[in-house]
Amino acid sequence: MGNLEMTPRDVRSRSREIMDEVEHGQTFTVTRDGHQIGELIPLRRRFVSRQEFAAMSRNSPTSDLDACRADQVVAADHEESGAYER
């Protein structure tokens, strides 16, 4: 399910249909004069299909465990010194 655009007029004239679609996971962007002014999104999603999870994960960055550990060491070293010792 992608994000669909609609005008405030669409929201008024098709509100029941739109709310049913939002309830089933559809997201809508409301536009006025070609400018995005808001979104209608589901509050919670109980299930994500394997295909949708794979599609979302495809563009996520890969983790670098060594860089993560180095960041933790720097943060820990910073916390050990007092704020006035810098």
PDB file of N, CA and C in Angstrom:
ATOM      1  N   MET A   1       0.840  -1.183   0.000  1.00  0.00           N
ATOM      2  CA  MET A   1       0.000   0.000   0.000  1.00  0.00           C
ATOM      3  C   MET A   1       0.874   1.231   0.000  1.00  0.00           C
ATOM      4  N   GLY A   2       0.631   2.096  -0.926  1.00  0.00           N
ATOM      5  CA  GLY A   2       1.402   3.323  -0.995  1.00  0.00           C
ATOM      6  C   GLY A   2       0.656   4.469  -0.343  1.00  0.00           C
ATOM      7  N   ASN A   3       1.227   5.623  -0.455  1.00  0.00           N
ATOM      8  CA  ASN A   3       0.624   6.831   0.073  1.00  0.00           C
ATOM      9  C   ASN A   3      -0.152   7.499  -1.056  1.00  0.00           C
ATOM     10  N   LEU A   4      -1.423   7.737  -0.858  1.00  0.00           N
ATOM     11  CA  LEU A   4      -2.267   8.364  -1.872  1.00  0.00           C
ATOM     12  C   LEU A   4      -2.518   9.817  -1.512  1.00  0.00           C
ATOM     13  N   GLU A   5      -2.612  10.679  -2.524  1.00  0.00           N
ATOM     14  CA  GLU A   5      -2.907  12.092  -2.292  1.00  0.00           C
ATOM     15  C   GLU A   5      -4.375  12.371  -2.546  1.00  0.00           C
ATOM     16  N   MET A   6      -4.915  13.331  -1.796  1.00  0.00           N
ATOM     17  CA  MET A   6      -6.313  13.731  -1.967  1.00  0.00           C
ATOM     18  C   MET A   6      -6.485  15.177  -1.523  1.00  0.00           C
ATOM     19  N   THR A   7      -7.562  15.773  -1.966  1.00  0.00           N
ATOM     20  CA  THR A   7      -7.885  17.148  -1.584  1.00  0.00           C
ATOM     21  C   THR A   7      -8.870  17.114  -0.418  1.00  0.00           C
ATOM     22  N   PRO A   8      -9.046  18.252   0.278  1.00  0.00           N
ATOM     23  CA  PRO A   8     -10.055  18.299   1.337  1.00  0.00           C
ATOM     24  C   PRO A   8     -11.457  17.945   0.809  1.00  0.00           C
ATOM     25  N   ARG A   9     -11.733  18.298  -0.416  1.00  0.00           N
ATOM     26  CA  ARG A   9     -13.029  17.956  -1.008  1.00  0.00           C
ATOM     27  C   ARG A   9     -13.197  16.439  -1.103  1.00  0.00           C
ATOM     28  N   ASP A  10     -12.111  15.732  -1.507  1.00  0.00           N
ATOM     29  CA  ASP A  10     -12.151  14.271  -1.539  1.00  0.00           C
ATOM     30  C   ASP A  10     -12.449  13.710  -0.150  1.00  0.00           C
ATOM     31  N   VAL A  11     -11.799  14.288   0.860  1.00  0.00           N
ATOM     32  CA  VAL A  11     -12.004  13.813   2.240  1.00  0.00           C
ATOM     33  C   VAL A  11     -13.471  13.956   2.629  1.00  0.00           C
ATOM     34  N   ARG A  12     -14.069  15.095   2.296  1.00  0.00           N
ATOM     35  CA  ARG A  12     -15.475  15.312   2.656  1.00  0.00           C
ATOM     36  C   ARG A  12     -16.409  14.381   1.897  1.00  0.00           C
ATOM     37  N   SER A  13     -16.180  14.221   0.612  1.00  0.00           N
ATOM     38  CA  SER A  13     -17.126  13.455  -0.202  1.00  0.00           C
ATOM     39  C   SER A  13     -16.952  11.944  -0.080  1.00  0.00           C
ATOM     40  N   ARG A  14     -15.769  11.490   0.336  1.00  0.00           N
ATOM     41  CA  ARG A  14     -15.510  10.042   0.427  1.00  0.00           C
ATOM     42  C   ARG A  14     -15.049   9.629   1.809  1.00  0.00           C
ATOM     43  N   SER A  15     -15.475  10.355   2.848  1.00  0.00           N
ATOM     44  CA  SER A  15     -14.921  10.140   4.181  1.00  0.00           C
ATOM     45  C   SER A  15     -15.072   8.703   4.681  1.00  0.00           C
ATOM     46  N   ARG A  16     -16.229   8.097   4.484  1.00  0.00           N
ATOM     47  CA  ARG A  16     -16.429   6.728   4.981  1.00  0.00           C
ATOM     48  C   ARG A  16     -15.471   5.748   4.290  1.00  0.00           C
ATOM     49  N   GLU A  17     -15.382   5.847   2.979  1.00  0.00           N
ATOM     50  CA  GLU A  17     -14.488   4.980   2.218  1.00  0.00           C
ATOM     51  C   GLU A  17     -13.026   5.195   2.627  1.00  0.00           C
ATOM     52  N   ILE A  18     -12.651   6.435   2.799  1.00  0.00           N
ATOM     53  CA  ILE A  18     -11.278   6.768   3.171  1.00  0.00           C
ATOM     54  C   ILE A  18     -10.953   6.242   4.562  1.00  0.00           C
ATOM     55  N   MET A  19     -11.862   6.435   5.516  1.00  0.00           N
ATOM     56  CA  MET A  19     -11.615   5.953   6.874  1.00  0.00           C
ATOM     57  C   MET A  19     -11.509   4.429   6.906  1.00  0.00           C
ATOM     58  N   ASP A  20     -12.315   3.750   6.089  1.00  0.00           N
ATOM     59  CA  ASP A  20     -12.205   2.292   6.001  1.00  0.00           C
ATOM     60  C   ASP A  20     -10.825   1.886   5.490  1.00  0.00           C
ATOM     61  N   GLU A  21     -10.318   2.614   4.502  1.00  0.00           N
ATOM     62  CA  GLU A  21      -9.003   2.300   3.954  1.00  0.00           C
ATOM     63  C   GLU A  21      -7.894   2.598   4.961  1.00  0.00           C
ATOM     64  N   VAL A  22      -8.027   3.703   5.701  1.00  0.00           N
ATOM     65  CA  VAL A  22      -7.043   4.031   6.737  1.00  0.00           C
ATOM     66  C   VAL A  22      -7.042   2.926   7.792  1.00  0.00           C
ATOM     67  N   GLU A  23      -8.218   2.464   8.157  1.00  0.00           N
ATOM     68  CA  GLU A  23      -8.327   1.395   9.152  1.00  0.00           C
ATOM     69  C   GLU A  23      -7.605   0.125   8.686  1.00  0.00           C
ATOM     70  N   HIS A  24      -7.547  -0.079   7.392  1.00  0.00           N
ATOM     71  CA  HIS A  24      -6.888  -1.265   6.840  1.00  0.00           C
ATOM     72  C   HIS A  24      -5.435  -1.001   6.434  1.00  0.00           C
ATOM     73  N   GLY A  25      -4.875   0.135   6.872  1.00  0.00           N
ATOM     74  CA  GLY A  25      -3.453   0.381   6.673  1.00  0.00           C
ATOM     75  C   GLY A  25      -3.071   1.388   5.618  1.00  0.00           C
ATOM     76  N   GLN A  26      -4.030   1.905   4.862  1.00  0.00           N
ATOM     77  CA  GLN A  26      -3.720   2.877   3.805  1.00  0.00           C
ATOM     78  C   GLN A  26      -3.387   4.240   4.415  1.00  0.00           C
ATOM     79  N   THR A  27      -2.416   4.931   3.854  1.00  0.00           N
ATOM     80  CA  THR A  27      -2.035   6.275   4.278  1.00  0.00           C
ATOM     81  C   THR A  27      -2.392   7.263   3.174  1.00  0.00           C
ATOM     82  N   PHE A  28      -2.906   8.422   3.561  1.00  0.00           N
ATOM     83  CA  PHE A  28      -3.285   9.462   2.605  1.00  0.00           C
ATOM     84  C   PHE A  28      -2.601  10.766   2.972  1.00  0.00           C
ATOM     85  N   THR A  29      -2.165  11.508   1.958  1.00  0.00           N
ATOM     86  CA  THR A  29      -1.658  12.862   2.150  1.00  0.00           C
ATOM     87  C   THR A  29      -2.703  13.819   1.598  1.00  0.00           C
ATOM     88  N   VAL A  30      -3.089  14.791   2.420  1.00  0.00           N
ATOM     89  CA  VAL A  30      -4.086  15.781   2.013  1.00  0.00           C
ATOM     90  C   VAL A  30      -3.340  16.985   1.433  1.00  0.00           C
ATOM     91  N   THR A  31      -3.769  17.410   0.249  1.00  0.00           N
ATOM     92  CA  THR A  31      -3.136  18.552  -0.405  1.00  0.00           C
ATOM     93  C   THR A  31      -4.154  19.666  -0.641  1.00  0.00           C
ATOM     94  N   ARG A  32      -3.673  20.886  -0.598  1.00  0.00           N
ATOM     95  CA  ARG A  32      -4.508  22.044  -0.932  1.00  0.00           C
ATOM     96  C   ARG A  32      -3.691  22.913  -1.871  1.00  0.00           C
ATOM     97  N   ASP A  33      -4.262  23.208  -3.032  1.00  0.00           N
ATOM     98  CA  ASP A  33      -3.566  24.006  -4.052  1.00  0.00           C
ATOM     99  C   ASP A  33      -2.193  23.411  -4.380  1.00  0.00           C
ATOM    100  N   GLY A  34      -2.116  22.081  -4.407  1.00  0.00           N
ATOM    101  CA  GLY A  34      -0.874  21.409  -4.762  1.00  0.00           C
ATOM    102  C   GLY A  34       0.144  21.293  -3.646  1.00  0.00           C
ATOM    103  N   HIS A  35      -0.169  21.798  -2.446  1.00  0.00           N
ATOM    104  CA  HIS A  35       0.758  21.750  -1.314  1.00  0.00           C
ATOM    105  C   HIS A  35       0.260  20.745  -0.280  1.00  0.00           C
ATOM    106  N   GLN A  36       1.160  19.938   0.239  1.00  0.00           N
ATOM    107  CA  GLN A  36       0.792  18.970   1.268  1.00  0.00           C
ATOM    108  C   GLN A  36       0.484  19.704   2.563  1.00  0.00           C
ATOM    109  N   ILE A  37      -0.682  19.399   3.147  1.00  0.00           N
ATOM    110  CA  ILE A  37      -1.073  20.074   4.388  1.00  0.00           C
ATOM    111  C   ILE A  37      -1.292  19.105   5.550  1.00  0.00           C
ATOM    112  N   GLY A  38      -1.362  17.821   5.282  1.00  0.00           N
ATOM    113  CA  GLY A  38      -1.570  16.875   6.369  1.00  0.00           C
ATOM    114  C   GLY A  38      -1.587  15.450   5.884  1.00  0.00           C
ATOM    115  N   GLU A  39      -1.661  14.532   6.859  1.00  0.00           N
ATOM    116  CA  GLU A  39      -1.708  13.117   6.532  1.00  0.00           C
ATOM    117  C   GLU A  39      -2.786  12.424   7.348  1.00  0.00           C
ATOM    118  N   LEU A  40      -3.367  11.423   6.746  1.00  0.00           N
ATOM    119  CA  LEU A  40      -4.270  10.514   7.448  1.00  0.00           C
ATOM    120  C   LEU A  40      -3.531   9.181   7.489  1.00  0.00           C
ATOM    121  N   ILE A  41      -3.194   8.737   8.693  1.00  0.00           N
ATOM    122  CA  ILE A  41      -2.422   7.509   8.837  1.00  0.00           C
ATOM    123  C   ILE A  41      -3.074   6.599   9.874  1.00  0.00           C
ATOM    124  N   PRO A  42      -2.887   5.302   9.732  1.00  0.00           N
ATOM    125  CA  PRO A  42      -3.413   4.384  10.747  1.00  0.00           C
ATOM    126  C   PRO A  42      -2.687   4.607  12.073  1.00  0.00           C
ATOM    127  N   LEU A  43      -3.404   4.496  13.180  1.00  0.00           N
ATOM    128  CA  LEU A  43      -2.782   4.677  14.485  1.00  0.00           C
ATOM    129  C   LEU A  43      -1.864   3.528  14.843  1.00  0.00           C
ATOM    130  N   ARG A  44      -2.273   2.322  14.570  1.00  0.00           N
ATOM    131  CA  ARG A  44      -1.411   1.182  14.834  1.00  0.00           C
ATOM    132  C   ARG A  44      -1.658   0.114  13.802  1.00  0.00           C
ATOM    133  N   ARG A  45      -0.631  -0.612  13.573  1.00  0.00           N
ATOM    134  CA  ARG A  45      -0.708  -1.673  12.585  1.00  0.00           C
ATOM    135  C   ARG A  45      -0.385  -2.973  13.305  1.00  0.00           C
ATOM    136  N   ARG A  46      -1.253  -3.933  13.175  1.00  0.00           N
ATOM    137  CA  ARG A  46      -1.067  -5.190  13.892  1.00  0.00           C
ATOM    138  C   ARG A  46      -0.258  -6.203  13.097  1.00  0.00           C
ATOM    139  N   PHE A  47      -0.244  -6.093  11.791  1.00  0.00           N
ATOM    140  CA  PHE A  47       0.407  -7.098  10.967  1.00  0.00           C
ATOM    141  C   PHE A  47       1.078  -6.437   9.778  1.00  0.00           C
ATOM    142  N   VAL A  48       2.291  -6.828   9.512  1.00  0.00           N
ATOM    143  CA  VAL A  48       3.005  -6.386   8.323  1.00  0.00           C
ATOM    144  C   VAL A  48       3.372  -7.646   7.553  1.00  0.00           C
ATOM    145  N   SER A  49       2.980  -7.702   6.306  1.00  0.00           N
ATOM    146  CA  SER A  49       3.254  -8.894   5.509  1.00  0.00           C
ATOM    147  C   SER A  49       4.752  -9.036   5.277  1.00  0.00           C
ATOM    148  N   ARG A  50       5.172 -10.238   4.982  1.00  0.00           N
ATOM    149  CA  ARG A  50       6.586 -10.511   4.714  1.00  0.00           C
ATOM    150  C   ARG A  50       7.083  -9.660   3.550  1.00  0.00           C
ATOM    151  N   GLN A  51       6.257  -9.526   2.507  1.00  0.00           N
ATOM    152  CA  GLN A  51       6.653  -8.736   1.344  1.00  0.00           C
ATOM    153  C   GLN A  51       6.826  -7.264   1.713  1.00  0.00           C
ATOM    154  N   GLU A  52       5.905  -6.738   2.525  1.00  0.00           N
ATOM    155  CA  GLU A  52       6.001  -5.334   2.919  1.00  0.00           C
ATOM    156  C   GLU A  52       7.223  -5.102   3.812  1.00  0.00           C
ATOM    157  N   PHE A  53       7.489  -6.038   4.741  1.00  0.00           N
ATOM    158  CA  PHE A  53       8.669  -5.923   5.592  1.00  0.00           C
ATOM    159  C   PHE A  53       9.946  -5.944   4.753  1.00  0.00           C
ATOM    160  N   ALA A  54      10.001  -6.848   3.786  1.00  0.00           N
ATOM    161  CA  ALA A  54      11.174  -6.937   2.913  1.00  0.00           C
ATOM    162  C   ALA A  54      11.353  -5.649   2.125  1.00  0.00           C
ATOM    163  N   ALA A  55      10.256  -5.083   1.627  1.00  0.00           N
ATOM    164  CA  ALA A  55      10.333  -3.833   0.859  1.00  0.00           C
ATOM    165  C   ALA A  55      10.819  -2.683   1.738  1.00  0.00           C
ATOM    166  N   MET A  56      10.330  -2.609   2.975  1.00  0.00           N
ATOM    167  CA  MET A  56      10.758  -1.544   3.888  1.00  0.00           C
ATOM    168  C   MET A  56      12.222  -1.718   4.276  1.00  0.00           C
ATOM    169  N   SER A  57      12.650  -2.950   4.457  1.00  0.00           N
ATOM    170  CA  SER A  57      14.007  -3.235   4.902  1.00  0.00           C
ATOM    171  C   SER A  57      15.034  -3.051   3.795  1.00  0.00           C
ATOM    172  N   ARG A  58      14.600  -3.160   2.566  1.00  0.00           N
ATOM    173  CA  ARG A  58      15.513  -3.091   1.429  1.00  0.00           C
ATOM    174  C   ARG A  58      16.322  -1.798   1.408  1.00  0.00           C
ATOM    175  N   ASN A  59      15.713  -0.694   1.819  1.00  0.00           N
ATOM    176  CA  ASN A  59      16.383   0.609   1.754  1.00  0.00           C
ATOM    177  C   ASN A  59      16.998   1.039   3.078  1.00  0.00           C
ATOM    178  N   SER A  60      16.930   0.192   4.101  1.00  0.00           N
ATOM    179  CA  SER A  60      17.496   0.579   5.393  1.00  0.00           C
ATOM    180  C   SER A  60      19.012   0.426   5.365  1.00  0.00           C
ATOM    181  N   PRO A  61      19.688   1.269   6.117  1.00  0.00           N
ATOM    182  CA  PRO A  61      21.156   1.197   6.105  1.00  0.00           C
ATOM    183  C   PRO A  61      21.643  -0.082   6.782  1.00  0.00           C
ATOM    184  N   THR A  62      22.800  -0.544   6.372  1.00  0.00           N
ATOM    185  CA  THR A  62      23.387  -1.706   7.020  1.00  0.00           C
ATOM    186  C   THR A  62      24.048  -1.263   8.319  1.00  0.00           C
ATOM    187  N   SER A  63      24.097  -2.154   9.280  1.00  0.00           N
ATOM    188  CA  SER A  63      24.702  -1.847  10.576  1.00  0.00           C
ATOM    189  C   SER A  63      26.193  -2.106  10.526  1.00  0.00           C
ATOM    190  N   ASP A  64      26.938  -1.234  11.145  1.00  0.00           N
ATOM    191  CA  ASP A  64      28.380  -1.408  11.275  1.00  0.00           C
ATOM    192  C   ASP A  64      28.659  -1.595  12.760  1.00  0.00           C
ATOM    193  N   LEU A  65      28.830  -2.848  13.181  1.00  0.00           N
ATOM    194  CA  LEU A  65      28.982  -3.178  14.581  1.00  0.00           C
ATOM    195  C   LEU A  65      30.205  -2.502  15.189  1.00  0.00           C
ATOM    196  N   ASP A  66      31.313  -2.453  14.453  1.00  0.00           N
ATOM    197  CA  ASP A  66      32.526  -1.819  14.984  1.00  0.00           C
ATOM    198  C   ASP A  66      32.322  -0.325  15.221  1.00  0.00           C
ATOM    199  N   ALA A  67      31.645   0.345  14.299  1.00  0.00           N
ATOM    200  CA  ALA A  67      31.378   1.781  14.465  1.00  0.00           C
ATOM    201  C   ALA A  67      30.442   2.024  15.638  1.00  0.00           C
ATOM    202  N   CYS A  68      29.463   1.144  15.807  1.00  0.00           N
ATOM    203  CA  CYS A  68      28.527   1.266  16.930  1.00  0.00           C
ATOM    204  C   CYS A  68      29.277   1.130  18.255  1.00  0.00           C
ATOM    205  N   ARG A  69      30.163   0.133  18.344  1.00  0.00           N
ATOM    206  CA  ARG A  69      30.946  -0.057  19.578  1.00  0.00           C
ATOM    207  C   ARG A  69      31.855   1.139  19.839  1.00  0.00           C
ATOM    208  N   ALA A  70      32.465   1.678  18.799  1.00  0.00           N
ATOM    209  CA  ALA A  70      33.338   2.849  18.962  1.00  0.00           C
ATOM    210  C   ALA A  70      32.536   4.042  19.475  1.00  0.00           C
ATOM    211  N   ASP A  71      31.328   4.239  18.970  1.00  0.00           N
ATOM    212  CA  ASP A  71      30.469   5.325  19.455  1.00  0.00           C
ATOM    213  C   ASP A  71      30.130   5.133  20.921  1.00  0.00           C
ATOM    214  N   GLN A  72      29.891   3.888  21.337  1.00  0.00           N
ATOM    215  CA  GLN A  72      29.561   3.614  22.735  1.00  0.00           C
ATOM    216  C   GLN A  72      30.754   3.915  23.645  1.00  0.00           C
ATOM    217  N   VAL A  73      31.941   3.583  23.191  1.00  0.00           N
ATOM    218  CA  VAL A  73      33.149   3.849  23.976  1.00  0.00           C
ATOM    219  C   VAL A  73      33.334   5.357  24.154  1.00  0.00           C
ATOM    220  N   VAL A  74      33.156   6.099  23.074  1.00  0.00           N
ATOM    221  CA  VAL A  74      33.288   7.559  23.152  1.00  0.00           C
ATOM    222  C   VAL A  74      32.249   8.131  24.114  1.00  0.00           C
ATOM    223  N   ALA A  75      31.016   7.666  24.029  1.00  0.00           N
ATOM    224  CA  ALA A  75      29.959   8.157  24.917  1.00  0.00           C
ATOM    225  C   ALA A  75      30.270   7.812  26.363  1.00  0.00           C
ATOM    226  N   ALA A  76      30.746   6.607  26.622  1.00  0.00           N
ATOM    227  CA  ALA A  76      31.078   6.196  27.987  1.00  0.00           C
ATOM    228  C   ALA A  76      32.227   7.020  28.527  1.00  0.00           C
ATOM    229  N   ASP A  77      33.248   7.266  27.711  1.00  0.00           N
ATOM    230  CA  ASP A  77      34.383   8.093  28.145  1.00  0.00           C
ATOM    231  C   ASP A  77      33.935   9.505  28.463  1.00  0.00           C
ATOM    232  N   HIS A  78      33.026  10.018  27.679  1.00  0.00           N
ATOM    233  CA  HIS A  78      32.519  11.383  27.879  1.00  0.00           C
ATOM    234  C   HIS A  78      31.742  11.474  29.194  1.00  0.00           C
ATOM    235  N   GLU A  79      30.968  10.451  29.517  1.00  0.00           N
ATOM    236  CA  GLU A  79      30.155  10.459  30.742  1.00  0.00           C
ATOM    237  C   GLU A  79      31.015  10.334  31.992  1.00  0.00           C
ATOM    238  N   GLU A  80      32.171   9.675  31.894  1.00  0.00           N
ATOM    239  CA  GLU A  80      33.034   9.486  33.064  1.00  0.00           C
ATOM    240  C   GLU A  80      33.665  10.780  33.515  1.00  0.00           C
ATOM    241  N   SER A  81      33.953  11.675  32.568  1.00  0.00           N
ATOM    242  CA  SER A  81      34.544  12.955  32.965  1.00  0.00           C
ATOM    243  C   SER A  81      33.412  13.898  33.352  1.00  0.00           C
ATOM    244  N   GLY A  82      33.647  14.696  34.325  1.00  0.00           N
ATOM    245  CA  GLY A  82      32.637  15.645  34.788  1.00  0.00           C
ATOM    246  C   GLY A  82      32.422  16.753  33.780  1.00  0.00           C
ATOM    247  N   ALA A  83      31.289  17.399  33.877  1.00  0.00           N
ATOM    248  CA  ALA A  83      30.951  18.481  32.949  1.00  0.00           C
ATOM    249  C   ALA A  83      31.917  19.655  33.081  1.00  0.00           C
ATOM    250  N   TYR A  84      32.518  19.831  34.311  1.00  0.00           N
ATOM    251  CA  TYR A  84      33.399  20.991  34.525  1.00  0.00           C
ATOM    252  C   TYR A  84      34.859  20.669  34.259  1.00  0.00           C
ATOM    253  N   GLU A  85      35.150  19.413  33.886  1.00  0.00           N
ATOM    254  CA  GLU A  85      36.530  19.024  33.661  1.00  0.00           C
ATOM    255  C   GLU A  85      36.986  19.266  32.234  1.00  0.00           C
ATOM    256  N   ARG A  86      36.139  19.720  31.371  1.00  0.00           N
ATOM    257  CA  ARG A  86      36.495  19.899  29.962  1.00  0.00           C
ATOM    258  C   ARG A  86      37.420  21.028  29.743  1.00  0.00           C
TER     259      ARG A  86
END
